[in-house]
Amino acid sequence: MAEEQLQQFLEKVAQLNQLVALIEGNPQLRERLSACSNHLEVVALAADQGLQIGQRWGEPILQTNAAVNNLWASAAPPPGGERVQLLLEGKGLRLELIHSVAASTPSGQWYNQPMGEWVALLTGSAQLRFADEPTARNLGAGDWFWIAPHRCHRVEACSGSSGCLWLTLFIEPKLMAIEQFNP
């Protein structure tokens, strides 16, 4: 193990120990932890406390300074998972960064959202399937599209290793005059 990796490992252990100390001293935080149902929720709980425990071997060390806003600074979730970061929210709209790695929508499940969704694939490659189309669309970095409200869709596949970064803007129908983006 290289010295840099050793230091990264020791820092992660130190942050885990800090999280344990915080939980032992705070019954509400302990309750929040026991309500977590998966690793990503525990990582998010730790991040709420200013701790970064979700970083995996070989990933760059990310700054935890809240003043740093960088779309590519998202740590990859475990394979098969995704992490959603709310970037902006206002009346009738929501902007999210979604980082997914080797993930897909569960078999038989379709997204049927009441809001319209503008999506841009920033990195990676993916296959997106619409219920009203015979085949999945192959997407690459830079591709974007519009999903009308209640248009059923699903992610068939997305790239592994560092995964896909999606920038999504959800818009309530009452705010939309965006019909020109429909495929």
N, C-alpha and C. Protein backbone atom coordinates (compact mmCIF):
# COMPACT_ATOMS: atom_id res chain seq x y z
N MET A 1 0.86 -1.17 0.00
CA MET A 1 0.00 0.00 0.00
C MET A 1 0.90 1.23 0.00
N ALA A 2 0.68 2.13 -0.94
CA ALA A 2 1.47 3.36 -1.02
C ALA A 2 1.13 4.25 0.17
N GLU A 3 2.06 5.13 0.51
CA GLU A 3 1.87 6.03 1.65
C GLU A 3 0.60 6.87 1.52
N GLU A 4 0.32 7.36 0.30
CA GLU A 4 -0.89 8.17 0.10
C GLU A 4 -2.15 7.36 0.39
N GLN A 5 -2.17 6.10 -0.06
CA GLN A 5 -3.32 5.24 0.20
C GLN A 5 -3.44 4.93 1.69
N LEU A 6 -2.30 4.73 2.35
CA LEU A 6 -2.31 4.47 3.78
C LEU A 6 -2.90 5.67 4.52
N GLN A 7 -2.49 6.87 4.14
CA GLN A 7 -3.02 8.08 4.78
C GLN A 7 -4.52 8.21 4.52
N GLN A 8 -4.95 7.90 3.30
CA GLN A 8 -6.37 7.95 2.96
C GLN A 8 -7.16 6.96 3.83
N PHE A 9 -6.62 5.75 3.99
CA PHE A 9 -7.27 4.74 4.82
C PHE A 9 -7.36 5.21 6.27
N LEU A 10 -6.27 5.72 6.81
CA LEU A 10 -6.25 6.17 8.20
C LEU A 10 -7.22 7.34 8.41
N GLU A 11 -7.34 8.23 7.42
CA GLU A 11 -8.29 9.35 7.53
C GLU A 11 -9.73 8.83 7.55
N LYS A 12 -10.01 7.84 6.74
CA LYS A 12 -11.36 7.27 6.72
C LYS A 12 -11.68 6.63 8.08
N VAL A 13 -10.73 5.88 8.64
CA VAL A 13 -10.93 5.26 9.95
C VAL A 13 -11.16 6.34 11.01
N ALA A 14 -10.38 7.42 10.94
CA ALA A 14 -10.55 8.52 11.90
C ALA A 14 -11.94 9.13 11.78
N GLN A 15 -12.42 9.31 10.55
CA GLN A 15 -13.76 9.88 10.37
C GLN A 15 -14.84 8.92 10.84
N LEU A 16 -14.65 7.62 10.62
CA LEU A 16 -15.60 6.64 11.15
C LEU A 16 -15.64 6.70 12.67
N ASN A 17 -14.46 6.82 13.30
CA ASN A 17 -14.41 6.94 14.76
C ASN A 17 -15.10 8.21 15.24
N GLN A 18 -14.95 9.31 14.49
CA GLN A 18 -15.65 10.55 14.85
C GLN A 18 -17.15 10.36 14.76
N LEU A 19 -17.60 9.65 13.73
CA LEU A 19 -19.03 9.38 13.58
C LEU A 19 -19.55 8.55 14.75
N VAL A 20 -18.80 7.52 15.14
CA VAL A 20 -19.20 6.70 16.28
C VAL A 20 -19.31 7.55 17.54
N ALA A 21 -18.34 8.42 17.78
CA ALA A 21 -18.37 9.29 18.96
C ALA A 21 -19.59 10.22 18.92
N LEU A 22 -19.88 10.78 17.77
CA LEU A 22 -21.05 11.66 17.65
C LEU A 22 -22.34 10.90 17.93
N ILE A 23 -22.44 9.69 17.42
CA ILE A 23 -23.65 8.88 17.60
C ILE A 23 -23.81 8.46 19.05
N GLU A 24 -22.71 8.09 19.69
CA GLU A 24 -22.78 7.69 21.10
C GLU A 24 -23.21 8.84 22.00
N GLY A 25 -22.91 10.07 21.61
CA GLY A 25 -23.25 11.23 22.43
C GLY A 25 -24.55 11.92 22.05
N ASN A 26 -25.26 11.39 21.05
CA ASN A 26 -26.45 12.08 20.56
C ASN A 26 -27.55 11.05 20.23
N PRO A 27 -28.54 10.89 21.13
CA PRO A 27 -29.60 9.89 20.90
C PRO A 27 -30.38 10.11 19.60
N GLN A 28 -30.60 11.38 19.21
CA GLN A 28 -31.33 11.64 17.96
C GLN A 28 -30.53 11.17 16.75
N LEU A 29 -29.22 11.39 16.79
CA LEU A 29 -28.37 10.94 15.70
C LEU A 29 -28.34 9.40 15.65
N ARG A 30 -28.33 8.79 16.82
CA ARG A 30 -28.37 7.33 16.88
C ARG A 30 -29.67 6.80 16.27
N GLU A 31 -30.79 7.47 16.54
CA GLU A 31 -32.07 7.09 15.94
C GLU A 31 -32.02 7.23 14.42
N ARG A 32 -31.43 8.34 13.95
CA ARG A 32 -31.31 8.53 12.50
C ARG A 32 -30.49 7.42 11.87
N LEU A 33 -29.41 7.02 12.55
CA LEU A 33 -28.58 5.93 12.03
C LEU A 33 -29.36 4.62 11.98
N SER A 34 -30.11 4.33 13.03
CA SER A 34 -30.86 3.06 13.04
C SER A 34 -31.98 3.07 12.01
N ALA A 35 -32.39 4.24 11.55
CA ALA A 35 -33.42 4.32 10.50
C ALA A 35 -32.83 4.14 9.10
N CYS A 36 -31.50 4.18 8.98
CA CYS A 36 -30.86 4.00 7.67
C CYS A 36 -31.06 2.56 7.20
N SER A 37 -31.38 2.41 5.92
CA SER A 37 -31.63 1.06 5.40
C SER A 37 -30.52 0.58 4.46
N ASN A 38 -29.54 1.45 4.15
CA ASN A 38 -28.45 1.02 3.27
C ASN A 38 -27.22 1.89 3.49
N HIS A 39 -26.14 1.47 2.87
CA HIS A 39 -24.85 2.15 3.01
C HIS A 39 -24.92 3.61 2.57
N LEU A 40 -25.61 3.88 1.46
CA LEU A 40 -25.68 5.25 0.94
C LEU A 40 -26.34 6.19 1.93
N GLU A 41 -27.35 5.71 2.66
CA GLU A 41 -28.01 6.55 3.66
C GLU A 41 -27.07 6.84 4.83
N VAL A 42 -26.24 5.86 5.21
CA VAL A 42 -25.26 6.08 6.28
C VAL A 42 -24.21 7.09 5.82
N VAL A 43 -23.76 6.97 4.58
CA VAL A 43 -22.79 7.92 4.03
C VAL A 43 -23.38 9.33 4.03
N ALA A 44 -24.65 9.46 3.65
CA ALA A 44 -25.31 10.78 3.65
C ALA A 44 -25.45 11.32 5.07
N LEU A 45 -25.77 10.46 6.02
CA LEU A 45 -25.86 10.88 7.42
C LEU A 45 -24.51 11.42 7.89
N ALA A 46 -23.43 10.70 7.57
CA ALA A 46 -22.09 11.14 7.94
C ALA A 46 -21.77 12.48 7.28
N ALA A 47 -22.15 12.64 6.01
CA ALA A 47 -21.89 13.90 5.30
C ALA A 47 -22.61 15.06 5.97
N ASP A 48 -23.82 14.80 6.51
CA ASP A 48 -24.55 15.84 7.24
C ASP A 48 -23.77 16.31 8.46
N GLN A 49 -22.89 15.45 8.97
CA GLN A 49 -22.07 15.79 10.14
C GLN A 49 -20.68 16.31 9.73
N GLY A 50 -20.49 16.50 8.41
CA GLY A 50 -19.22 17.02 7.91
C GLY A 50 -18.16 15.94 7.73
N LEU A 51 -18.58 14.68 7.71
CA LEU A 51 -17.64 13.57 7.60
C LEU A 51 -17.81 12.88 6.25
N GLN A 52 -16.70 12.40 5.70
CA GLN A 52 -16.73 11.74 4.40
C GLN A 52 -16.24 10.31 4.59
N ILE A 53 -17.19 9.36 4.63
CA ILE A 53 -16.82 7.96 4.88
C ILE A 53 -17.07 7.07 3.68
N GLY A 54 -17.65 7.60 2.60
CA GLY A 54 -18.04 6.77 1.48
C GLY A 54 -17.01 6.63 0.39
N GLN A 55 -15.87 7.27 0.52
CA GLN A 55 -14.87 7.25 -0.54
C GLN A 55 -14.22 5.87 -0.62
N ARG A 56 -14.04 5.36 -1.86
CA ARG A 56 -13.46 4.04 -2.06
C ARG A 56 -12.01 4.17 -2.50
N TRP A 57 -11.29 3.04 -2.43
CA TRP A 57 -9.89 3.02 -2.83
C TRP A 57 -9.74 3.52 -4.26
N GLY A 58 -8.71 4.34 -4.48
CA GLY A 58 -8.39 4.82 -5.81
C GLY A 58 -9.16 6.06 -6.23
N GLU A 59 -10.17 6.45 -5.46
CA GLU A 59 -10.90 7.67 -5.80
C GLU A 59 -10.11 8.87 -5.32
N PRO A 60 -10.18 9.97 -6.04
CA PRO A 60 -9.46 11.16 -5.59
C PRO A 60 -10.02 11.65 -4.26
N ILE A 61 -9.17 12.25 -3.46
CA ILE A 61 -9.62 12.82 -2.19
C ILE A 61 -10.42 14.07 -2.49
N LEU A 62 -11.65 14.08 -2.01
CA LEU A 62 -12.55 15.19 -2.29
C LEU A 62 -12.50 16.20 -1.16
N GLN A 63 -12.58 17.45 -1.53
CA GLN A 63 -12.63 18.50 -0.52
C GLN A 63 -14.01 18.52 0.10
N THR A 64 -14.06 18.74 1.43
CA THR A 64 -15.35 18.78 2.10
C THR A 64 -15.79 20.22 2.34
N ASN A 65 -15.04 21.17 1.82
CA ASN A 65 -15.38 22.58 1.96
C ASN A 65 -16.67 22.86 1.20
N ALA A 66 -17.69 23.33 1.93
CA ALA A 66 -19.00 23.56 1.31
C ALA A 66 -18.93 24.64 0.23
N ALA A 67 -17.89 25.47 0.23
CA ALA A 67 -17.78 26.53 -0.76
C ALA A 67 -17.37 25.98 -2.13
N VAL A 68 -16.90 24.74 -2.18
CA VAL A 68 -16.47 24.14 -3.43
C VAL A 68 -17.69 23.52 -4.11
N ASN A 69 -18.02 24.02 -5.27
CA ASN A 69 -19.14 23.48 -6.05
C ASN A 69 -18.60 22.99 -7.37
N ASN A 70 -18.49 21.67 -7.50
CA ASN A 70 -17.94 21.08 -8.71
C ASN A 70 -18.73 19.82 -9.03
N LEU A 71 -19.33 19.79 -10.21
CA LEU A 71 -20.15 18.64 -10.59
C LEU A 71 -19.35 17.35 -10.66
N TRP A 72 -18.08 17.43 -11.00
CA TRP A 72 -17.26 16.23 -11.15
C TRP A 72 -16.63 15.78 -9.84
N ALA A 73 -16.91 16.45 -8.74
CA ALA A 73 -16.35 16.08 -7.44
C ALA A 73 -17.23 15.06 -6.72
N SER A 74 -18.23 14.51 -7.40
CA SER A 74 -19.12 13.54 -6.80
C SER A 74 -18.41 12.19 -6.66
N ALA A 75 -18.33 11.67 -5.43
CA ALA A 75 -17.75 10.35 -5.22
C ALA A 75 -18.70 9.30 -5.78
N ALA A 76 -18.14 8.32 -6.46
CA ALA A 76 -18.97 7.28 -7.08
C ALA A 76 -19.64 6.43 -6.02
N PRO A 77 -20.92 6.12 -6.21
CA PRO A 77 -21.58 5.18 -5.30
C PRO A 77 -21.10 3.76 -5.61
N PRO A 78 -21.44 2.81 -4.77
CA PRO A 78 -21.06 1.42 -5.06
C PRO A 78 -21.71 0.93 -6.36
N PRO A 79 -21.11 -0.05 -7.04
CA PRO A 79 -21.72 -0.58 -8.26
C PRO A 79 -23.17 -1.01 -8.01
N GLY A 80 -24.03 -0.65 -8.95
CA GLY A 80 -25.45 -0.94 -8.83
C GLY A 80 -26.22 0.14 -8.12
N GLY A 81 -25.53 1.15 -7.63
CA GLY A 81 -26.18 2.20 -6.85
C GLY A 81 -26.16 3.55 -7.53
N GLU A 82 -26.84 4.48 -6.88
CA GLU A 82 -26.80 5.86 -7.35
C GLU A 82 -26.87 6.80 -6.16
N ARG A 83 -26.34 7.98 -6.37
CA ARG A 83 -26.35 9.02 -5.35
C ARG A 83 -26.99 10.24 -5.99
N VAL A 84 -27.95 10.84 -5.30
CA VAL A 84 -28.65 12.02 -5.80
C VAL A 84 -28.27 13.21 -4.93
N GLN A 85 -27.84 14.28 -5.58
CA GLN A 85 -27.48 15.50 -4.88
C GLN A 85 -28.40 16.62 -5.35
N LEU A 86 -29.15 17.19 -4.44
CA LEU A 86 -30.02 18.31 -4.76
C LEU A 86 -29.14 19.56 -4.90
N LEU A 87 -29.18 20.18 -6.08
CA LEU A 87 -28.36 21.37 -6.33
C LEU A 87 -29.15 22.66 -6.14
N LEU A 88 -30.43 22.61 -6.50
CA LEU A 88 -31.26 23.81 -6.47
C LEU A 88 -32.72 23.39 -6.41
N GLU A 89 -33.50 24.09 -5.61
CA GLU A 89 -34.93 23.79 -5.55
C GLU A 89 -35.69 25.09 -5.38
N GLY A 90 -36.75 25.22 -6.13
CA GLY A 90 -37.60 26.40 -6.06
C GLY A 90 -39.02 26.01 -6.34
N LYS A 91 -39.89 26.99 -6.35
CA LYS A 91 -41.31 26.72 -6.59
C LYS A 91 -41.49 26.11 -7.98
N GLY A 92 -41.85 24.83 -8.02
CA GLY A 92 -42.14 24.18 -9.27
C GLY A 92 -40.95 23.63 -10.03
N LEU A 93 -39.73 23.69 -9.45
CA LEU A 93 -38.58 23.09 -10.14
C LEU A 93 -37.55 22.59 -9.16
N ARG A 94 -36.77 21.62 -9.65
CA ARG A 94 -35.73 21.00 -8.83
C ARG A 94 -34.58 20.59 -9.77
N LEU A 95 -33.37 20.94 -9.40
CA LEU A 95 -32.18 20.59 -10.17
C LEU A 95 -31.36 19.60 -9.35
N GLU A 96 -31.06 18.44 -9.97
CA GLU A 96 -30.33 17.40 -9.27
C GLU A 96 -29.13 16.93 -10.08
N LEU A 97 -28.11 16.48 -9.38
CA LEU A 97 -26.99 15.76 -9.97
C LEU A 97 -27.14 14.32 -9.52
N ILE A 98 -27.20 13.41 -10.47
CA ILE A 98 -27.34 11.99 -10.15
C ILE A 98 -26.09 11.28 -10.62
N HIS A 99 -25.46 10.54 -9.71
CA HIS A 99 -24.27 9.76 -10.04
C HIS A 99 -24.66 8.30 -9.91
N SER A 100 -24.62 7.56 -11.01
CA SER A 100 -24.99 6.15 -10.99
C SER A 100 -23.86 5.32 -11.56
N VAL A 101 -23.65 4.14 -10.98
CA VAL A 101 -22.58 3.25 -11.41
C VAL A 101 -23.15 1.86 -11.66
N ALA A 102 -23.03 1.41 -12.91
CA ALA A 102 -23.50 0.06 -13.28
C ALA A 102 -24.91 -0.18 -12.74
N ALA A 103 -25.76 0.83 -12.81
CA ALA A 103 -27.10 0.76 -12.25
C ALA A 103 -28.15 0.64 -13.34
N SER A 104 -29.30 0.13 -12.96
CA SER A 104 -30.45 0.09 -13.86
C SER A 104 -31.71 0.13 -13.02
N THR A 105 -32.80 0.52 -13.65
CA THR A 105 -34.10 0.51 -12.98
C THR A 105 -34.48 -0.95 -12.75
N PRO A 106 -34.99 -1.30 -11.57
CA PRO A 106 -35.37 -2.69 -11.31
C PRO A 106 -36.32 -3.23 -12.39
N SER A 107 -36.16 -4.51 -12.69
CA SER A 107 -36.96 -5.16 -13.72
C SER A 107 -38.46 -4.94 -13.48
N GLY A 108 -39.14 -4.55 -14.55
CA GLY A 108 -40.58 -4.34 -14.48
C GLY A 108 -41.00 -2.98 -13.94
N GLN A 109 -40.06 -2.19 -13.45
CA GLN A 109 -40.39 -0.88 -12.89
C GLN A 109 -40.19 0.21 -13.95
N TRP A 110 -41.10 1.17 -13.97
CA TRP A 110 -41.02 2.33 -14.87
C TRP A 110 -41.19 3.59 -14.05
N TYR A 111 -40.44 4.63 -14.41
CA TYR A 111 -40.67 5.94 -13.81
C TYR A 111 -41.86 6.59 -14.52
N ASN A 112 -42.80 7.09 -13.75
CA ASN A 112 -43.97 7.78 -14.27
C ASN A 112 -44.14 9.02 -13.40
N GLN A 113 -43.42 10.07 -13.75
CA GLN A 113 -43.29 11.25 -12.89
C GLN A 113 -44.27 12.34 -13.29
N PRO A 114 -44.84 13.03 -12.30
CA PRO A 114 -45.78 14.11 -12.60
C PRO A 114 -45.09 15.36 -13.15
N MET A 115 -43.79 15.48 -12.93
CA MET A 115 -43.05 16.65 -13.42
C MET A 115 -42.37 16.31 -14.74
N GLY A 116 -42.18 17.31 -15.60
CA GLY A 116 -41.35 17.15 -16.77
C GLY A 116 -39.90 17.08 -16.33
N GLU A 117 -39.05 16.46 -17.15
CA GLU A 117 -37.65 16.29 -16.76
C GLU A 117 -36.73 16.54 -17.96
N TRP A 118 -35.89 17.56 -17.83
CA TRP A 118 -34.83 17.79 -18.81
C TRP A 118 -33.61 17.09 -18.26
N VAL A 119 -32.96 16.25 -19.08
CA VAL A 119 -31.84 15.42 -18.63
C VAL A 119 -30.65 15.61 -19.55
N ALA A 120 -29.48 15.77 -18.97
CA ALA A 120 -28.22 15.79 -19.73
C ALA A 120 -27.29 14.75 -19.11
N LEU A 121 -26.74 13.88 -19.95
CA LEU A 121 -25.74 12.92 -19.50
C LEU A 121 -24.37 13.60 -19.63
N LEU A 122 -23.77 13.92 -18.49
CA LEU A 122 -22.50 14.66 -18.49
C LEU A 122 -21.31 13.76 -18.75
N THR A 123 -21.30 12.57 -18.13
CA THR A 123 -20.21 11.62 -18.33
C THR A 123 -20.78 10.22 -18.41
N GLY A 124 -20.04 9.33 -19.06
CA GLY A 124 -20.43 7.93 -19.14
C GLY A 124 -21.31 7.64 -20.34
N SER A 125 -21.87 6.44 -20.31
CA SER A 125 -22.80 6.01 -21.36
C SER A 125 -23.93 5.24 -20.70
N ALA A 126 -25.09 5.26 -21.34
CA ALA A 126 -26.25 4.61 -20.74
C ALA A 126 -27.24 4.20 -21.82
N GLN A 127 -28.16 3.37 -21.44
CA GLN A 127 -29.29 3.01 -22.29
C GLN A 127 -30.56 3.40 -21.54
N LEU A 128 -31.38 4.21 -22.20
CA LEU A 128 -32.64 4.67 -21.63
C LEU A 128 -33.77 4.13 -22.48
N ARG A 129 -34.78 3.61 -21.84
CA ARG A 129 -35.90 3.01 -22.56
C ARG A 129 -37.18 3.75 -22.21
N PHE A 130 -37.97 4.09 -23.23
CA PHE A 130 -39.29 4.69 -23.06
C PHE A 130 -40.32 3.60 -23.34
N ALA A 131 -41.40 3.57 -22.57
CA ALA A 131 -42.43 2.55 -22.74
C ALA A 131 -43.08 2.63 -24.12
N ASP A 132 -43.10 3.84 -24.71
CA ASP A 132 -43.76 4.01 -26.01
C ASP A 132 -42.80 3.89 -27.20
N GLU A 133 -41.60 3.38 -26.98
CA GLU A 133 -40.63 3.17 -28.05
C GLU A 133 -40.19 1.71 -28.06
N PRO A 134 -39.96 1.12 -29.23
CA PRO A 134 -39.66 -0.31 -29.31
C PRO A 134 -38.27 -0.70 -28.79
N THR A 135 -37.31 0.22 -28.83
CA THR A 135 -35.95 -0.12 -28.40
C THR A 135 -35.40 0.97 -27.49
N ALA A 136 -34.37 0.59 -26.74
CA ALA A 136 -33.72 1.54 -25.84
C ALA A 136 -32.86 2.52 -26.65
N ARG A 137 -32.69 3.71 -26.12
CA ARG A 137 -31.81 4.71 -26.73
C ARG A 137 -30.42 4.57 -26.12
N ASN A 138 -29.40 4.57 -26.96
CA ASN A 138 -28.01 4.58 -26.50
C ASN A 138 -27.59 6.03 -26.31
N LEU A 139 -27.10 6.35 -25.12
CA LEU A 139 -26.72 7.71 -24.79
C LEU A 139 -25.23 7.78 -24.47
N GLY A 140 -24.62 8.90 -24.85
CA GLY A 140 -23.23 9.16 -24.52
C GLY A 140 -23.09 10.53 -23.88
N ALA A 141 -21.91 10.79 -23.36
CA ALA A 141 -21.65 12.07 -22.70
C ALA A 141 -22.02 13.22 -23.64
N GLY A 142 -22.78 14.15 -23.11
CA GLY A 142 -23.21 15.32 -23.87
C GLY A 142 -24.63 15.20 -24.42
N ASP A 143 -25.18 14.00 -24.46
CA ASP A 143 -26.56 13.84 -24.95
C ASP A 143 -27.54 14.41 -23.92
N TRP A 144 -28.58 15.05 -24.44
CA TRP A 144 -29.63 15.57 -23.55
C TRP A 144 -30.98 15.33 -24.22
N PHE A 145 -32.03 15.36 -23.43
CA PHE A 145 -33.37 15.12 -23.94
C PHE A 145 -34.40 15.61 -22.95
N TRP A 146 -35.63 15.64 -23.38
CA TRP A 146 -36.76 16.08 -22.58
C TRP A 146 -37.69 14.90 -22.36
N ILE A 147 -38.13 14.71 -21.12
CA ILE A 147 -39.11 13.68 -20.79
C ILE A 147 -40.37 14.38 -20.32
N ALA A 148 -41.43 14.27 -21.08
CA ALA A 148 -42.70 14.92 -20.73
C ALA A 148 -43.27 14.30 -19.45
N PRO A 149 -44.07 15.06 -18.71
CA PRO A 149 -44.71 14.50 -17.51
C PRO A 149 -45.46 13.21 -17.84
N HIS A 150 -45.34 12.23 -16.98
CA HIS A 150 -46.02 10.94 -17.07
C HIS A 150 -45.59 10.09 -18.27
N ARG A 151 -44.48 10.43 -18.91
CA ARG A 151 -43.96 9.57 -19.97
C ARG A 151 -43.12 8.48 -19.30
N CYS A 152 -43.57 7.27 -19.37
CA CYS A 152 -42.92 6.17 -18.67
C CYS A 152 -41.56 5.86 -19.28
N HIS A 153 -40.56 5.75 -18.42
CA HIS A 153 -39.20 5.49 -18.87
C HIS A 153 -38.43 4.73 -17.80
N ARG A 154 -37.30 4.17 -18.20
CA ARG A 154 -36.45 3.43 -17.27
C ARG A 154 -35.01 3.44 -17.77
N VAL A 155 -34.07 3.29 -16.88
CA VAL A 155 -32.66 3.15 -17.24
C VAL A 155 -32.41 1.66 -17.39
N GLU A 156 -32.04 1.25 -18.61
CA GLU A 156 -31.74 -0.16 -18.88
C GLU A 156 -30.33 -0.51 -18.39
N ALA A 157 -29.39 0.41 -18.56
CA ALA A 157 -28.01 0.16 -18.14
C ALA A 157 -27.25 1.48 -18.11
N CYS A 158 -26.23 1.54 -17.28
CA CYS A 158 -25.31 2.68 -17.33
C CYS A 158 -23.91 2.16 -17.03
N SER A 159 -22.92 2.92 -17.49
CA SER A 159 -21.53 2.46 -17.42
C SER A 159 -21.08 2.22 -15.98
N GLY A 160 -20.12 1.30 -15.86
CA GLY A 160 -19.56 0.96 -14.56
C GLY A 160 -18.36 1.82 -14.24
N SER A 161 -17.47 1.34 -13.45
CA SER A 161 -16.28 2.02 -12.92
C SER A 161 -16.65 3.39 -12.37
N SER A 162 -16.38 4.47 -13.06
CA SER A 162 -16.71 5.80 -12.52
C SER A 162 -18.16 6.16 -12.78
N GLY A 163 -18.86 5.43 -13.64
CA GLY A 163 -20.30 5.59 -13.80
C GLY A 163 -20.74 6.76 -14.66
N CYS A 164 -21.98 7.15 -14.46
CA CYS A 164 -22.62 8.22 -15.21
C CYS A 164 -22.96 9.38 -14.28
N LEU A 165 -22.75 10.58 -14.78
CA LEU A 165 -23.24 11.78 -14.09
C LEU A 165 -24.37 12.34 -14.94
N TRP A 166 -25.54 12.49 -14.33
CA TRP A 166 -26.72 13.02 -14.98
C TRP A 166 -27.06 14.36 -14.33
N LEU A 167 -27.35 15.35 -15.13
CA LEU A 167 -27.87 16.62 -14.62
C LEU A 167 -29.34 16.64 -15.01
N THR A 168 -30.21 16.74 -14.02
CA THR A 168 -31.65 16.67 -14.28
C THR A 168 -32.36 17.89 -13.73
N LEU A 169 -33.22 18.45 -14.53
CA LEU A 169 -34.04 19.58 -14.12
C LEU A 169 -35.50 19.15 -14.20
N PHE A 170 -36.16 19.06 -13.05
CA PHE A 170 -37.57 18.69 -12.98
C PHE A 170 -38.40 19.97 -12.95
N ILE A 171 -39.46 20.00 -13.77
CA ILE A 171 -40.29 21.19 -13.90
C ILE A 171 -41.76 20.80 -13.80
N GLU A 172 -42.51 21.48 -12.93
CA GLU A 172 -43.95 21.22 -12.82
C GLU A 172 -44.65 21.65 -14.11
N PRO A 173 -45.68 20.89 -14.53
CA PRO A 173 -46.38 21.20 -15.78
C PRO A 173 -46.89 22.63 -15.87
N LYS A 174 -47.33 23.22 -14.75
CA LYS A 174 -47.88 24.57 -14.81
C LYS A 174 -46.84 25.61 -15.22
N LEU A 175 -45.56 25.27 -15.11
CA LEU A 175 -44.49 26.20 -15.49
C LEU A 175 -43.99 25.95 -16.91
N MET A 176 -44.49 24.91 -17.57
CA MET A 176 -43.91 24.48 -18.82
C MET A 176 -44.57 25.09 -20.05
N ALA A 177 -43.72 25.50 -20.96
CA ALA A 177 -44.09 25.83 -22.32
C ALA A 177 -42.94 25.33 -23.17
N ILE A 178 -42.63 24.02 -22.98
CA ILE A 178 -41.41 23.45 -23.52
C ILE A 178 -41.70 22.32 -24.51
N GLU A 179 -42.78 22.34 -25.17
CA GLU A 179 -43.18 21.26 -26.07
C GLU A 179 -42.14 21.00 -27.16
N GLN A 180 -41.32 21.99 -27.53
CA GLN A 180 -40.37 21.79 -28.60
C GLN A 180 -39.29 20.78 -28.24
N PHE A 181 -39.14 20.39 -26.98
CA PHE A 181 -38.12 19.44 -26.60
C PHE A 181 -38.60 18.00 -26.68
N ASN A 182 -39.89 17.76 -26.90
CA ASN A 182 -40.39 16.39 -26.98
C ASN A 182 -39.75 15.68 -28.17
N PRO A 183 -39.29 14.43 -27.95
CA PRO A 183 -38.67 13.69 -29.05
C PRO A 183 -39.71 13.29 -30.11
